[in-house]
């Protein structure tokens, strides 16, 4: 990516027309928190290719969804720190010398947060506070908080797409924690001049996704001739974004996003759970009788949909449509049975599966 040498010094610096300056610079040392997770590792693998001059440090707690195997293709090109973003000493060590921080670290599963929201609150709010405090003290030039479209709440009865200036209306503990982390990040921009940008990604899928989420769960279940559990009537709508496009959008916002600004990253798709299941079963040659309707999730949001025009105006374009992305994803899980079988063998996966899907 071609960039200028302009350096953005503070979130309160504005152009004469009232629009915030864009940070358009390059970086040398990047801290990626949660970089052994699904989206974080995709970003790291992409960054190694796109920015070979970067010194990339990954900080990850390696919880049930964190996996060093996700970073194996680039292990020799990065520095890995095993640590927790809620622990200041871990963050201080990993952030030393960083000029940009990208925070992917999160407890990200709605179902788990409904059972026990405390880990979600601790990581997604308390951990973000630790990161912001140390970033502000350390002179980090840009802090990018990776957020979610779920912070807008349910758009089921709203005939439009969520825009960045819409009110945040989270309806479950996970979404509330992500909204809280955004408020904290923007408060550090306003109060301390920390340069902050936020990305709000749509439901993301692709290789290396832990198999508790709908697409890898359905693929790996189908490969074992197990039922594909659909909440309620299976008609909840999601805007599915392929992980490579998500990573590219974050990279673009990191370099060119306006300080103090949020950017939606969505694929402009509207796909139901039933359609996801049907595609996977057809792709794998499995019968539709494997679809199983189960009790609905409490407070289930039935439509997420974001308007990504602001990111598109920066130059972001999606390279993957749903059919092509799903074909690539299914093929990856077929070819990497050792990876997903190891994930599904974990106690954390088996206990969650029994709690939610054996009802």
Protein backbone atom coordinates (compact mmCIF):
# COMPACT_ATOMS: atom_id res chain seq x y z
CA UNK A 1 0.00 0.00 0.00
CA UNK A 2 1.43 3.36 -0.99
CA UNK A 3 1.37 5.84 1.90
CA UNK A 4 2.71 9.30 2.53
CA UNK A 5 5.02 10.26 5.38
CA UNK A 6 2.40 12.48 7.05
CA UNK A 7 2.22 11.76 10.77
CA UNK A 8 -0.98 12.34 12.72
CA UNK A 9 -0.16 13.67 16.18
CA UNK A 10 -3.46 14.09 18.00
CA UNK A 11 -7.14 13.29 17.81
CA UNK A 12 -8.13 16.94 18.25
CA UNK A 13 -6.40 18.26 15.12
CA UNK A 14 -8.93 19.21 12.44
CA UNK A 15 -8.91 20.44 8.87
CA UNK A 16 -10.30 23.90 8.15
CA UNK A 17 -13.52 22.41 6.78
CA UNK A 18 -14.18 20.68 10.09
CA UNK A 19 -13.34 17.19 8.89
CA UNK A 20 -10.85 15.18 10.91
CA UNK A 21 -7.46 14.60 9.38
CA UNK A 22 -6.76 11.10 8.22
CA UNK A 23 -3.76 9.35 9.62
CA UNK A 24 -1.84 8.44 6.48
CA UNK A 25 1.49 7.01 7.53
CA UNK A 26 3.29 3.74 7.85
CA UNK A 27 4.46 1.94 10.94
CA UNK A 28 7.45 -0.12 12.00
CA UNK A 29 6.45 -2.04 15.14
CA UNK A 30 2.90 -3.33 15.50
CA UNK A 31 1.30 -4.98 18.52
CA UNK A 32 -1.56 -7.32 17.60
CA UNK A 33 -3.48 -8.47 20.66
CA UNK A 34 -5.55 -11.62 20.24
CA UNK A 35 -3.40 -12.43 17.24
CA UNK A 36 -3.66 -16.20 17.69
CA UNK A 37 -7.43 -16.12 17.32
CA UNK A 38 -9.46 -16.36 14.14
CA UNK A 39 -9.57 -12.83 12.72
CA UNK A 40 -6.39 -11.72 14.49
CA UNK A 41 -4.31 -14.52 12.99
CA UNK A 42 -5.75 -13.82 9.53
CA UNK A 43 -4.65 -10.20 9.91
CA UNK A 44 -1.16 -11.26 11.04
CA UNK A 45 -0.72 -13.68 8.13
CA UNK A 46 -1.84 -10.96 5.74
CA UNK A 47 0.39 -8.31 7.35
CA UNK A 48 3.49 -10.46 7.00
CA UNK A 49 2.84 -10.59 3.24
CA UNK A 50 1.71 -6.99 2.76
CA UNK A 51 4.15 -5.24 5.12
CA UNK A 52 7.39 -7.23 5.23
CA UNK A 53 9.19 -4.33 6.95
CA UNK A 54 6.87 -4.47 9.99
CA UNK A 55 8.08 -5.92 13.27
CA UNK A 56 4.93 -7.71 14.43
CA UNK A 57 4.41 -8.64 18.06
CA UNK A 58 1.44 -10.86 18.97
CA UNK A 59 0.06 -10.94 22.51
CA UNK A 60 -2.44 -13.73 23.17
CA UNK A 61 -3.72 -15.51 26.27
CA UNK A 62 -4.28 -18.73 24.30
CA UNK A 63 -7.71 -19.38 25.74
CA UNK A 64 -9.83 -22.16 24.23
CA UNK A 65 -10.18 -20.25 20.93
CA UNK A 66 -6.57 -19.09 20.68
CA UNK A 67 -4.30 -21.46 18.80
CA UNK A 68 -0.61 -21.17 17.94
CA UNK A 69 -1.28 -23.41 14.94
CA UNK A 70 -3.10 -20.43 13.41
CA UNK A 71 0.23 -18.59 13.31
CA UNK A 72 2.38 -21.52 12.22
CA UNK A 73 2.70 -20.28 8.60
CA UNK A 74 4.34 -17.04 9.84
CA UNK A 75 5.87 -18.12 13.15
CA UNK A 76 9.40 -17.22 12.06
CA UNK A 77 8.42 -13.70 11.01
CA UNK A 78 6.72 -12.56 14.24
CA UNK A 79 7.39 -12.31 17.96
CA UNK A 80 4.88 -14.05 20.21
CA UNK A 81 4.09 -13.13 23.83
CA UNK A 82 1.87 -15.44 25.88
CA UNK A 83 -0.08 -13.07 28.11
CA UNK A 84 -3.35 -11.49 29.15
CA UNK A 85 -4.50 -8.00 28.17
CA UNK A 86 -5.99 -7.57 31.66
CA UNK A 87 -2.49 -7.89 33.17
CA UNK A 88 -0.55 -4.59 32.92
CA UNK A 89 2.85 -6.30 33.12
CA UNK A 90 2.02 -8.53 30.15
CA UNK A 91 0.79 -5.57 28.13
CA UNK A 92 3.73 -3.36 29.06
CA UNK A 93 6.22 -5.98 27.90
CA UNK A 94 4.46 -6.67 24.62
CA UNK A 95 3.72 -3.02 23.79
CA UNK A 96 7.26 -1.74 24.36
CA UNK A 97 8.28 0.33 21.34
CA UNK A 98 5.02 -0.20 19.44
CA UNK A 99 3.79 2.66 17.28
CA UNK A 100 0.43 1.01 16.51
CA UNK A 101 -1.82 -1.35 18.47
CA UNK A 102 -4.61 -3.43 16.94
CA UNK A 103 -6.85 -5.04 19.53
CA UNK A 104 -8.54 -8.27 18.42
CA UNK A 105 -8.46 -9.80 21.91
CA UNK A 106 -12.00 -10.57 23.06
CA UNK A 107 -14.36 -13.12 24.49
CA UNK A 108 -16.49 -13.20 21.36
CA UNK A 109 -19.24 -15.80 21.63
CA UNK A 110 -22.76 -14.60 22.48
CA UNK A 111 -23.85 -18.00 23.79
CA UNK A 112 -20.96 -18.23 26.24
CA UNK A 113 -21.60 -14.67 27.45
CA UNK A 114 -25.26 -15.52 28.08
CA UNK A 115 -24.18 -18.35 30.39
CA UNK A 116 -21.50 -16.33 32.23
CA UNK A 117 -20.85 -12.71 31.19
CA UNK A 118 -17.98 -12.15 33.64
CA UNK A 119 -15.09 -13.35 31.41
CA UNK A 120 -16.56 -11.25 28.61
CA UNK A 121 -16.68 -8.12 30.74
CA UNK A 122 -13.21 -8.69 32.14
CA UNK A 123 -11.49 -9.12 28.77
CA UNK A 124 -13.60 -6.86 26.58
CA UNK A 125 -13.83 -3.90 28.95
CA UNK A 126 -11.22 -4.21 31.70
CA UNK A 127 -8.64 -5.52 29.25
CA UNK A 128 -9.29 -2.70 26.79
CA UNK A 129 -8.87 -0.18 29.61
CA UNK A 130 -5.43 -1.63 30.41
CA UNK A 131 -4.43 -1.46 26.74
CA UNK A 132 -5.60 2.14 26.36
CA UNK A 133 -3.88 3.31 29.53
CA UNK A 134 -0.54 1.82 28.57
CA UNK A 135 -0.88 2.95 24.92
CA UNK A 136 -1.54 6.50 26.06
CA UNK A 137 1.46 6.49 28.40
CA UNK A 138 3.74 4.80 25.85
CA UNK A 139 3.20 7.24 23.00
CA UNK A 140 1.46 4.80 20.67
CA UNK A 141 0.58 6.71 17.51
CA UNK A 142 -2.58 4.79 16.57
CA UNK A 143 -4.90 2.45 18.47
CA UNK A 144 -7.37 0.39 16.45
CA UNK A 145 -10.18 -1.27 18.38
CA UNK A 146 -11.78 -4.18 16.53
CA UNK A 147 -15.50 -4.13 17.30
CA UNK A 148 -18.65 -5.80 15.99
CA UNK A 149 -21.87 -5.06 14.12
CA UNK A 150 -23.73 -6.53 17.11
CA UNK A 151 -23.33 -3.25 18.99
CA UNK A 152 -26.19 -1.79 16.87
CA UNK A 153 -28.69 -4.36 18.16
CA UNK A 154 -31.47 -6.05 16.22
CA UNK A 155 -32.38 -4.45 12.87
CA UNK A 156 -35.12 -7.01 12.23
CA UNK A 157 -37.92 -4.42 12.05
CA UNK A 158 -35.80 -1.67 10.51
CA UNK A 159 -35.78 -1.46 6.73
CA UNK A 160 -32.25 -0.11 6.30
CA UNK A 161 -28.64 -0.82 7.20
CA UNK A 162 -26.88 0.36 10.36
CA UNK A 163 -24.67 3.42 9.92
CA UNK A 164 -21.82 4.52 12.13
CA UNK A 165 -23.77 7.47 13.53
CA UNK A 166 -26.66 5.26 14.69
CA UNK A 167 -27.14 4.87 18.42
CA UNK A 168 -25.58 1.77 19.93
CA UNK A 169 -28.28 -0.61 21.21
CA UNK A 170 -26.64 -3.89 22.30
CA UNK A 171 -29.05 -6.61 23.49
CA UNK A 172 -26.75 -9.26 24.97
CA UNK A 173 -23.76 -9.15 27.35
CA UNK A 174 -21.20 -9.73 24.59
CA UNK A 175 -22.54 -6.90 22.43
CA UNK A 176 -22.76 -4.64 25.48
CA UNK A 177 -19.13 -5.33 26.33
CA UNK A 178 -18.03 -4.45 22.79
CA UNK A 179 -20.03 -1.23 22.92
CA UNK A 180 -18.41 -0.44 26.26
CA UNK A 181 -14.95 -1.01 24.84
CA UNK A 182 -15.70 1.42 22.03
CA UNK A 183 -16.85 4.09 24.48
CA UNK A 184 -13.65 3.63 26.46
CA UNK A 185 -11.51 3.91 23.35
CA UNK A 186 -13.22 7.05 22.14
CA UNK A 187 -13.02 8.55 25.63
CA UNK A 188 -9.23 8.22 25.48
CA UNK A 189 -9.28 10.03 22.16
CA UNK A 190 -11.34 12.90 23.57
CA UNK A 191 -9.71 13.10 26.99
CA UNK A 192 -6.07 12.32 26.28
CA UNK A 193 -5.59 12.86 22.54
CA UNK A 194 -4.90 9.19 21.80
CA UNK A 195 -5.41 8.55 18.10
CA UNK A 196 -8.20 5.95 18.01
CA UNK A 197 -10.08 4.29 15.16
CA UNK A 198 -12.71 1.55 15.41
CA UNK A 199 -13.82 -1.09 12.94
CA UNK A 200 -17.24 -2.72 13.29
CA UNK A 201 -17.09 -6.00 11.43
CA UNK A 202 -20.00 -8.10 10.24
CA UNK A 203 -20.23 -11.84 10.98
CA UNK A 204 -16.92 -13.18 9.74
CA UNK A 205 -16.14 -16.66 8.45
CA UNK A 206 -13.29 -18.53 6.81
CA UNK A 207 -10.38 -20.89 7.56
CA UNK A 208 -9.10 -21.30 11.12
CA UNK A 209 -12.39 -20.27 12.78
CA UNK A 210 -13.00 -22.09 16.07
CA UNK A 211 -15.88 -24.52 15.48
CA UNK A 212 -18.36 -23.06 17.97
CA UNK A 213 -19.54 -20.44 15.45
CA UNK A 214 -22.27 -21.37 13.00
CA UNK A 215 -20.32 -21.93 9.77
CA UNK A 216 -17.42 -24.05 11.11
CA UNK A 217 -19.82 -25.83 13.49
CA UNK A 218 -22.14 -26.76 10.63
CA UNK A 219 -19.26 -27.84 8.37
CA UNK A 220 -17.59 -30.03 10.98
CA UNK A 221 -20.92 -31.47 12.14
CA UNK A 222 -21.88 -32.33 8.58
CA UNK A 223 -18.52 -33.98 7.97
CA UNK A 224 -19.37 -36.28 10.88
CA UNK A 225 -23.03 -36.76 9.88
CA UNK A 226 -24.16 -34.93 13.01
CA UNK A 227 -27.18 -32.57 13.15
CA UNK A 228 -26.84 -28.91 12.21
CA UNK A 229 -28.61 -27.05 15.07
CA UNK A 230 -30.67 -24.05 13.96
CA UNK A 231 -32.01 -21.65 16.58
CA UNK A 232 -35.78 -21.09 16.41
CA UNK A 233 -36.98 -21.09 12.81
CA UNK A 234 -33.46 -20.66 11.44
CA UNK A 235 -34.35 -17.39 9.74
CA UNK A 236 -32.01 -15.03 11.59
CA UNK A 237 -30.20 -12.92 8.97
CA UNK A 238 -26.50 -12.16 9.03
CA UNK A 239 -24.17 -10.22 6.73
CA UNK A 240 -21.38 -12.77 6.21
CA UNK A 241 -17.94 -11.29 5.57
CA UNK A 242 -15.02 -13.43 4.44
CA UNK A 243 -12.07 -13.15 6.82
CA UNK A 244 -9.56 -12.01 4.17
CA UNK A 245 -11.81 -9.08 3.29
CA UNK A 246 -12.20 -8.26 6.98
CA UNK A 247 -8.43 -8.25 7.49
CA UNK A 248 -7.93 -6.04 4.43
CA UNK A 249 -10.50 -3.56 5.74
CA UNK A 250 -8.76 -3.32 9.11
CA UNK A 251 -5.42 -2.75 7.39
CA UNK A 252 -6.89 0.07 5.31
CA UNK A 253 -8.53 1.77 8.30
CA UNK A 254 -5.29 1.46 10.27
CA UNK A 255 -3.47 3.45 7.59
CA UNK A 256 -6.12 5.82 6.27
CA UNK A 257 -8.99 6.02 8.74
CA UNK A 258 -9.87 9.40 10.25
CA UNK A 259 -8.89 9.73 13.89
CA UNK A 260 -11.79 9.33 16.30
CA UNK A 261 -13.94 7.56 13.70
CA UNK A 262 -15.71 4.20 13.43
CA UNK A 263 -15.93 2.22 10.19
CA UNK A 264 -18.43 -0.51 9.36
CA UNK A 265 -17.01 -3.51 7.50
CA UNK A 266 -19.80 -5.51 5.91
CA UNK A 267 -20.23 -7.60 2.77
CA UNK A 268 -23.69 -6.33 1.75
CA UNK A 269 -25.11 -9.84 2.07
CA UNK A 270 -28.25 -11.11 3.84
CA UNK A 271 -28.05 -14.83 4.55
CA UNK A 272 -30.28 -16.86 6.88
CA UNK A 273 -29.16 -19.71 9.07
CA UNK A 274 -31.22 -22.09 6.95
CA UNK A 275 -29.42 -20.90 3.81
CA UNK A 276 -26.03 -21.44 5.48
CA UNK A 277 -26.99 -24.99 6.46
CA UNK A 278 -28.42 -25.77 3.02
CA UNK A 279 -25.28 -24.55 1.25
CA UNK A 280 -22.98 -26.62 3.46
CA UNK A 281 -25.06 -29.78 3.14
CA UNK A 282 -25.18 -29.46 -0.64
CA UNK A 283 -21.46 -28.75 -0.88
CA UNK A 284 -20.65 -31.86 1.16
CA UNK A 285 -23.29 -34.09 -0.42
CA UNK A 286 -25.18 -34.52 2.85
CA UNK A 287 -28.99 -34.78 3.31
CA UNK A 288 -31.09 -31.81 4.38
CA UNK A 289 -32.52 -34.05 7.09
CA UNK A 290 -29.42 -33.15 9.12
CA UNK A 291 -30.98 -29.72 9.79
CA UNK A 292 -32.27 -29.71 13.36
CA UNK A 293 -34.40 -26.91 14.84
CA UNK A 294 -33.72 -26.26 18.53
CA UNK A 295 -34.97 -23.83 21.17
CA UNK A 296 -34.15 -20.24 20.29
CA UNK A 297 -31.34 -18.29 21.91
CA UNK A 298 -32.62 -15.88 24.63
CA UNK A 299 -32.93 -12.35 23.26
CA UNK A 300 -31.92 -13.52 19.79
CA UNK A 301 -31.20 -10.67 17.37
CA UNK A 302 -32.75 -11.64 14.06
CA UNK A 303 -31.04 -9.21 11.71
CA UNK A 304 -27.63 -7.59 11.59
CA UNK A 305 -26.86 -5.42 8.58
CA UNK A 306 -24.35 -2.60 8.24
CA UNK A 307 -23.71 0.06 5.63
CA UNK A 308 -19.97 -0.08 4.76
CA UNK A 309 -20.00 3.06 2.60
CA UNK A 310 -17.60 4.94 4.87
CA UNK A 311 -14.92 2.25 4.54
CA UNK A 312 -15.62 1.95 0.82
CA UNK A 313 -14.97 5.69 0.50
CA UNK A 314 -11.45 5.02 1.81
CA UNK A 315 -10.96 2.53 -1.01
CA UNK A 316 -11.97 -0.74 0.62
CA UNK A 317 -13.53 -3.26 -1.76
CA UNK A 318 -14.49 -6.85 -1.02
CA UNK A 319 -12.87 -9.51 -3.14
CA UNK A 320 -14.95 -12.47 -1.93
CA UNK A 321 -18.65 -13.05 -2.51
CA UNK A 322 -20.50 -15.49 -0.26
CA UNK A 323 -20.50 -18.44 -2.66
CA UNK A 324 -16.77 -18.20 -3.39
CA UNK A 325 -15.90 -17.61 0.24
CA UNK A 326 -17.99 -20.55 1.40
CA UNK A 327 -16.45 -22.84 -1.20
CA UNK A 328 -12.97 -21.90 0.03
CA UNK A 329 -14.01 -22.34 3.67
CA UNK A 330 -15.62 -25.76 3.20
CA UNK A 331 -12.60 -26.96 1.26
CA UNK A 332 -10.25 -25.79 4.01
CA UNK A 333 -12.09 -27.71 6.74
CA UNK A 334 -12.23 -30.81 4.58
CA UNK A 335 -8.45 -30.60 4.13
CA UNK A 336 -7.63 -29.75 7.77
CA UNK A 337 -9.45 -32.38 9.80
CA UNK A 338 -6.58 -32.62 12.30
CA UNK A 339 -6.99 -28.92 13.16
CA UNK A 340 -10.73 -28.96 13.79
CA UNK A 341 -10.80 -32.37 15.44
CA UNK A 342 -8.27 -31.14 17.99
CA UNK A 343 -10.41 -28.05 18.65
CA UNK A 344 -13.58 -30.09 19.05
CA UNK A 345 -11.84 -32.50 21.42
CA UNK A 346 -11.29 -29.71 23.96
CA UNK A 347 -13.36 -29.81 27.14
CA UNK A 348 -14.42 -26.21 26.47
CA UNK A 349 -15.99 -27.22 23.16
CA UNK A 350 -17.67 -30.39 24.41
CA UNK A 351 -19.21 -28.73 27.47
CA UNK A 352 -20.55 -25.86 25.38
CA UNK A 353 -21.97 -28.19 22.74
CA UNK A 354 -23.78 -30.25 25.38
CA UNK A 355 -25.18 -27.17 27.10
CA UNK A 356 -26.61 -25.50 23.98
CA UNK A 357 -27.26 -28.09 21.32
CA UNK A 358 -28.38 -31.18 23.23
CA UNK A 359 -31.58 -29.49 24.36
